[in-house]
Amino acid sequence: MSGFRPLAVRVADITYVPTWAGWLYLAIVLDVWSRRVVGWAMATHMRAELVEAALAMALARRRPEGRVVHHSDQGSQYTSLAFGERCRESGIARSMGSVGDAYDNAMCESFFATLECELIWRRSLRTASEARREVFGFIEGFYNTRRLHSALGYESPADYERNHAA
């Protein structure tokens, strides 16, 4: 088909990880097709740099040849001028959900619920450094590579990508 360019859809959001020393904030970028967390960043603040860092990781790890749509809520980090400029520079189309609608970003919310149930509620994290190590291990060592997803025919995101790449 002449002129056809594939579409990559990514969803993004921020959550918090409680530690004895205070909150650690986690921003993720999740690939809708494979459910893989392709970008993430952690910080002790929720400024726009946090979501910019997660986007930068997603772009460094995989830069689709076709169009990219980045969907998020309307949080100030995602509506910031700096984040908008970064998306424009990268050729990414932004999409934002309606105010107060948790369902349009349900895939991120599902990931965060999994993170909470399978990591955060099972551990007492003392410091931001400890939380960073644990979250890193969960995302890169378990969720992306070994956790099975019913939506993917009970394959991990990494296996799904490997087995279903076009």
C-alpha atoms as a PDB file:
ATOM      1  CA  MET A   1       0.000   0.000   0.000  1.00  0.00           C
ATOM      2  CA  SER A   2       1.615   3.232  -1.141  1.00  0.00           C
ATOM      3  CA  GLY A   3       2.149   5.859   1.555  1.00  0.00           C
ATOM      4  CA  PHE A   4       1.205   3.547   4.425  1.00  0.00           C
ATOM      5  CA  ARG A   5       3.086   4.253   7.637  1.00  0.00           C
ATOM      6  CA  PRO A   6       2.467   2.114  10.715  1.00  0.00           C
ATOM      7  CA  LEU A   7       1.114   3.761  13.831  1.00  0.00           C
ATOM      8  CA  ALA A   8       2.738   3.262  17.225  1.00  0.00           C
ATOM      9  CA  VAL A   9       0.545   4.182  20.170  1.00  0.00           C
ATOM     10  CA  ARG A  10       2.051   4.799  23.570  1.00  0.00           C
ATOM     11  CA  VAL A  11       0.343   5.663  26.841  1.00  0.00           C
ATOM     12  CA  ALA A  12       2.001   7.508  29.694  1.00  0.00           C
ATOM     13  CA  ASP A  13       1.319   8.402  33.286  1.00  0.00           C
ATOM     14  CA  ILE A  14       2.901   9.080  36.683  1.00  0.00           C
ATOM     15  CA  THR A  15       2.473   7.292  39.989  1.00  0.00           C
ATOM     16  CA  TYR A  16       4.131   7.504  43.364  1.00  0.00           C
ATOM     17  CA  VAL A  17       6.095   4.910  45.288  1.00  0.00           C
ATOM     18  CA  PRO A  18       5.962   5.353  49.070  1.00  0.00           C
ATOM     19  CA  THR A  19       9.207   5.080  51.021  1.00  0.00           C
ATOM     20  CA  TRP A  20      10.062   5.783  54.645  1.00  0.00           C
ATOM     21  CA  ALA A  21      11.895   8.877  53.394  1.00  0.00           C
ATOM     22  CA  GLY A  22       9.000  10.254  51.318  1.00  0.00           C
ATOM     23  CA  TRP A  23       7.595   9.798  47.842  1.00  0.00           C
ATOM     24  CA  LEU A  24       9.467   8.587  44.797  1.00  0.00           C
ATOM     25  CA  TYR A  25       7.634   9.422  41.578  1.00  0.00           C
ATOM     26  CA  LEU A  26       7.645   7.069  38.596  1.00  0.00           C
ATOM     27  CA  ALA A  27       6.734   8.150  35.064  1.00  0.00           C
ATOM     28  CA  ILE A  28       6.269   5.462  32.423  1.00  0.00           C
ATOM     29  CA  VAL A  29       5.719   5.220  28.685  1.00  0.00           C
ATOM     30  CA  LEU A  30       4.002   1.979  27.726  1.00  0.00           C
ATOM     31  CA  ASP A  31       3.692   0.522  24.219  1.00  0.00           C
ATOM     32  CA  VAL A  32       0.017  -0.310  23.611  1.00  0.00           C
ATOM     33  CA  TRP A  33       0.724  -3.117  21.124  1.00  0.00           C
ATOM     34  CA  SER A  34       3.036  -5.192  23.327  1.00  0.00           C
ATOM     35  CA  ARG A  35       2.282  -3.782  26.804  1.00  0.00           C
ATOM     36  CA  ARG A  36       6.033  -3.247  27.223  1.00  0.00           C
ATOM     37  CA  VAL A  37       7.276  -0.358  29.359  1.00  0.00           C
ATOM     38  CA  VAL A  38       9.549   1.293  26.801  1.00  0.00           C
ATOM     39  CA  GLY A  39      10.429   4.364  28.832  1.00  0.00           C
ATOM     40  CA  TRP A  40      10.492   5.190  32.495  1.00  0.00           C
ATOM     41  CA  ALA A  41      12.044   7.680  34.888  1.00  0.00           C
ATOM     42  CA  MET A  42      12.080   8.163  38.646  1.00  0.00           C
ATOM     43  CA  ALA A  43      12.599  11.273  40.753  1.00  0.00           C
ATOM     44  CA  THR A  44      11.685  12.767  44.101  1.00  0.00           C
ATOM     45  CA  HIS A  45       9.691  15.470  42.282  1.00  0.00           C
ATOM     46  CA  MET A  46       6.866  15.572  39.743  1.00  0.00           C
ATOM     47  CA  ARG A  47       8.174  18.346  37.502  1.00  0.00           C
ATOM     48  CA  ALA A  48       7.991  18.148  33.708  1.00  0.00           C
ATOM     49  CA  GLU A  49      11.584  16.871  33.550  1.00  0.00           C
ATOM     50  CA  LEU A  50      10.315  13.566  34.940  1.00  0.00           C
ATOM     51  CA  VAL A  51       8.009  12.845  31.996  1.00  0.00           C
ATOM     52  CA  GLU A  52      10.571  14.278  29.559  1.00  0.00           C
ATOM     53  CA  ALA A  53      13.133  11.762  30.847  1.00  0.00           C
ATOM     54  CA  ALA A  54      10.678   8.863  30.416  1.00  0.00           C
ATOM     55  CA  LEU A  55       9.941  10.028  26.865  1.00  0.00           C
ATOM     56  CA  ALA A  56      13.662  10.378  26.113  1.00  0.00           C
ATOM     57  CA  MET A  57      14.251   6.788  27.222  1.00  0.00           C
ATOM     58  CA  ALA A  58      11.356   5.559  25.074  1.00  0.00           C
ATOM     59  CA  LEU A  59      12.768   7.383  22.055  1.00  0.00           C
ATOM     60  CA  ALA A  60      16.311   6.144  22.668  1.00  0.00           C
ATOM     61  CA  ARG A  61      15.162   2.551  23.030  1.00  0.00           C
ATOM     62  CA  ARG A  62      12.896   2.454  20.019  1.00  0.00           C
ATOM     63  CA  ARG A  63      12.139   4.962  17.373  1.00  0.00           C
ATOM     64  CA  PRO A  64       9.335   3.623  15.168  1.00  0.00           C
ATOM     65  CA  GLU A  65       9.554   4.389  11.457  1.00  0.00           C
ATOM     66  CA  GLY A  66       5.898   5.353  11.289  1.00  0.00           C
ATOM     67  CA  ARG A  67       3.754   7.751  13.226  1.00  0.00           C
ATOM     68  CA  VAL A  68       3.813   7.842  17.023  1.00  0.00           C
ATOM     69  CA  VAL A  69       0.887   8.903  19.188  1.00  0.00           C
ATOM     70  CA  HIS A  70       1.661   9.639  22.836  1.00  0.00           C
ATOM     71  CA  HIS A  71      -1.442   9.533  25.063  1.00  0.00           C
ATOM     72  CA  SER A  72      -1.544  10.867  28.614  1.00  0.00           C
ATOM     73  CA  ASP A  73      -3.782  12.644  31.058  1.00  0.00           C
ATOM     74  CA  GLN A  74      -3.903  16.435  31.220  1.00  0.00           C
ATOM     75  CA  GLY A  75      -1.470  16.764  34.096  1.00  0.00           C
ATOM     76  CA  SER A  76       0.694  19.860  34.171  1.00  0.00           C
ATOM     77  CA  GLN A  77       3.781  17.809  33.296  1.00  0.00           C
ATOM     78  CA  TYR A  78       2.220  16.635  30.017  1.00  0.00           C
ATOM     79  CA  THR A  79       0.742  20.034  29.141  1.00  0.00           C
ATOM     80  CA  SER A  80       3.994  21.898  29.816  1.00  0.00           C
ATOM     81  CA  LEU A  81       5.605  23.874  27.029  1.00  0.00           C
ATOM     82  CA  ALA A  82       8.855  21.939  27.395  1.00  0.00           C
ATOM     83  CA  PHE A  83       7.167  18.549  26.982  1.00  0.00           C
ATOM     84  CA  GLY A  84       5.120  19.794  24.046  1.00  0.00           C
ATOM     85  CA  GLU A  85       8.260  21.101  22.346  1.00  0.00           C
ATOM     86  CA  ARG A  86      10.048  17.780  22.893  1.00  0.00           C
ATOM     87  CA  CYS A  87       7.134  15.946  21.256  1.00  0.00           C
ATOM     88  CA  ARG A  88       7.081  18.375  18.319  1.00  0.00           C
ATOM     89  CA  GLU A  89      10.846  18.033  17.803  1.00  0.00           C
ATOM     90  CA  SER A  90      10.461  14.244  17.792  1.00  0.00           C
ATOM     91  CA  GLY A  91       7.469  14.211  15.442  1.00  0.00           C
ATOM     92  CA  ILE A  92       5.179  12.740  18.084  1.00  0.00           C
ATOM     93  CA  ALA A  93       1.459  13.484  18.026  1.00  0.00           C
ATOM     94  CA  ARG A  94       0.101  14.122  21.503  1.00  0.00           C
ATOM     95  CA  SER A  95      -3.255  12.860  22.688  1.00  0.00           C
ATOM     96  CA  MET A  96      -4.810  13.685  26.038  1.00  0.00           C
ATOM     97  CA  GLY A  97      -7.774  12.239  27.815  1.00  0.00           C
ATOM     98  CA  SER A  98     -10.716  14.183  29.071  1.00  0.00           C
ATOM     99  CA  VAL A  99     -10.467  15.683  32.548  1.00  0.00           C
ATOM    100  CA  GLY A 100     -11.365  13.265  35.320  1.00  0.00           C
ATOM    101  CA  ASP A 101     -11.675  10.186  33.056  1.00  0.00           C
ATOM    102  CA  ALA A 102      -9.499   7.370  34.371  1.00  0.00           C
ATOM    103  CA  TYR A 103     -10.707   4.888  31.754  1.00  0.00           C
ATOM    104  CA  ASP A 104      -8.969   6.394  28.741  1.00  0.00           C
ATOM    105  CA  ASN A 105      -5.571   5.646  30.275  1.00  0.00           C
ATOM    106  CA  ALA A 106      -6.567   2.321  31.792  1.00  0.00           C
ATOM    107  CA  MET A 107      -3.517   0.514  30.425  1.00  0.00           C
ATOM    108  CA  CYS A 108      -1.160   2.644  32.533  1.00  0.00           C
ATOM    109  CA  GLU A 109      -3.447   2.355  35.519  1.00  0.00           C
ATOM    110  CA  SER A 110      -3.388  -1.427  35.092  1.00  0.00           C
ATOM    111  CA  PHE A 111       0.417  -1.424  35.051  1.00  0.00           C
ATOM    112  CA  PHE A 112       0.497   0.702  38.211  1.00  0.00           C
ATOM    113  CA  ALA A 113      -1.977  -1.648  39.937  1.00  0.00           C
ATOM    114  CA  THR A 114       0.277  -4.580  39.030  1.00  0.00           C
ATOM    115  CA  LEU A 115       3.331  -2.716  40.355  1.00  0.00           C
ATOM    116  CA  GLU A 116       1.508  -1.984  43.600  1.00  0.00           C
ATOM    117  CA  CYS A 117       0.179  -5.524  44.119  1.00  0.00           C
ATOM    118  CA  GLU A 118       3.283  -7.406  43.043  1.00  0.00           C
ATOM    119  CA  LEU A 119       5.982  -5.125  44.452  1.00  0.00           C
ATOM    120  CA  ILE A 120       5.080  -2.069  46.511  1.00  0.00           C
ATOM    121  CA  TRP A 121       2.542  -3.595  48.911  1.00  0.00           C
ATOM    122  CA  ARG A 122       4.842  -6.580  49.509  1.00  0.00           C
ATOM    123  CA  ARG A 123       7.859  -4.532  50.585  1.00  0.00           C
ATOM    124  CA  SER A 124       8.680  -1.774  52.982  1.00  0.00           C
ATOM    125  CA  LEU A 125      10.979   0.509  51.020  1.00  0.00           C
ATOM    126  CA  ARG A 126      13.206   2.615  53.256  1.00  0.00           C
ATOM    127  CA  THR A 127      14.914   5.000  50.851  1.00  0.00           C
ATOM    128  CA  ALA A 128      14.509   6.405  47.360  1.00  0.00           C
ATOM    129  CA  SER A 129      17.642   4.473  46.320  1.00  0.00           C
ATOM    130  CA  GLU A 130      16.146   1.200  47.517  1.00  0.00           C
ATOM    131  CA  ALA A 131      12.858   1.984  45.769  1.00  0.00           C
ATOM    132  CA  ARG A 132      14.717   2.832  42.538  1.00  0.00           C
ATOM    133  CA  ARG A 133      16.530  -0.532  42.602  1.00  0.00           C
ATOM    134  CA  GLU A 134      13.340  -2.463  43.290  1.00  0.00           C
ATOM    135  CA  VAL A 135      11.266  -0.652  40.640  1.00  0.00           C
ATOM    136  CA  PHE A 136      14.056  -1.043  38.087  1.00  0.00           C
ATOM    137  CA  GLY A 137      14.223  -4.788  38.824  1.00  0.00           C
ATOM    138  CA  PHE A 138      10.457  -5.092  38.566  1.00  0.00           C
ATOM    139  CA  ILE A 139      10.190  -3.306  35.205  1.00  0.00           C
ATOM    140  CA  GLU A 140      13.301  -4.610  33.437  1.00  0.00           C
ATOM    141  CA  GLY A 141      13.823  -7.940  35.184  1.00  0.00           C
ATOM    142  CA  PHE A 142      10.244  -9.117  35.540  1.00  0.00           C
ATOM    143  CA  TYR A 143       7.401  -7.135  33.957  1.00  0.00           C
ATOM    144  CA  ASN A 144       8.873  -6.651  30.479  1.00  0.00           C
ATOM    145  CA  THR A 145      10.636  -9.994  30.265  1.00  0.00           C
ATOM    146  CA  ARG A 146       8.767 -12.605  32.304  1.00  0.00           C
ATOM    147  CA  ARG A 147       5.313 -11.453  33.434  1.00  0.00           C
ATOM    148  CA  LEU A 148       2.610 -13.154  31.405  1.00  0.00           C
ATOM    149  CA  HIS A 149      -0.309 -11.076  30.083  1.00  0.00           C
ATOM    150  CA  SER A 150      -3.705 -12.528  29.215  1.00  0.00           C
ATOM    151  CA  ALA A 151      -4.135  -9.813  26.556  1.00  0.00           C
ATOM    152  CA  LEU A 152      -0.971 -11.138  24.863  1.00  0.00           C
ATOM    153  CA  GLY A 153      -2.023 -14.783  24.842  1.00  0.00           C
ATOM    154  CA  TYR A 154      -0.115 -15.386  28.072  1.00  0.00           C
ATOM    155  CA  GLU A 155       3.220 -14.198  26.752  1.00  0.00           C
ATOM    156  CA  SER A 156       5.525 -11.603  28.281  1.00  0.00           C
ATOM    157  CA  PRO A 157       5.866  -8.306  26.423  1.00  0.00           C
ATOM    158  CA  ALA A 158       9.391  -9.254  25.279  1.00  0.00           C
ATOM    159  CA  ASP A 159       8.265 -12.680  24.022  1.00  0.00           C
ATOM    160  CA  TYR A 160       5.227 -11.160  22.341  1.00  0.00           C
ATOM    161  CA  GLU A 161       7.397  -8.681  20.449  1.00  0.00           C
ATOM    162  CA  ARG A 162       9.833 -11.398  19.452  1.00  0.00           C
ATOM    163  CA  ASN A 163       7.108 -13.825  18.333  1.00  0.00           C
ATOM    164  CA  HIS A 164       4.819 -11.336  16.560  1.00  0.00           C
ATOM    165  CA  ALA A 165       7.154  -8.809  14.946  1.00  0.00           C
ATOM    166  CA  ALA A 166       6.104  -7.944  11.407  1.00  0.00           C
END
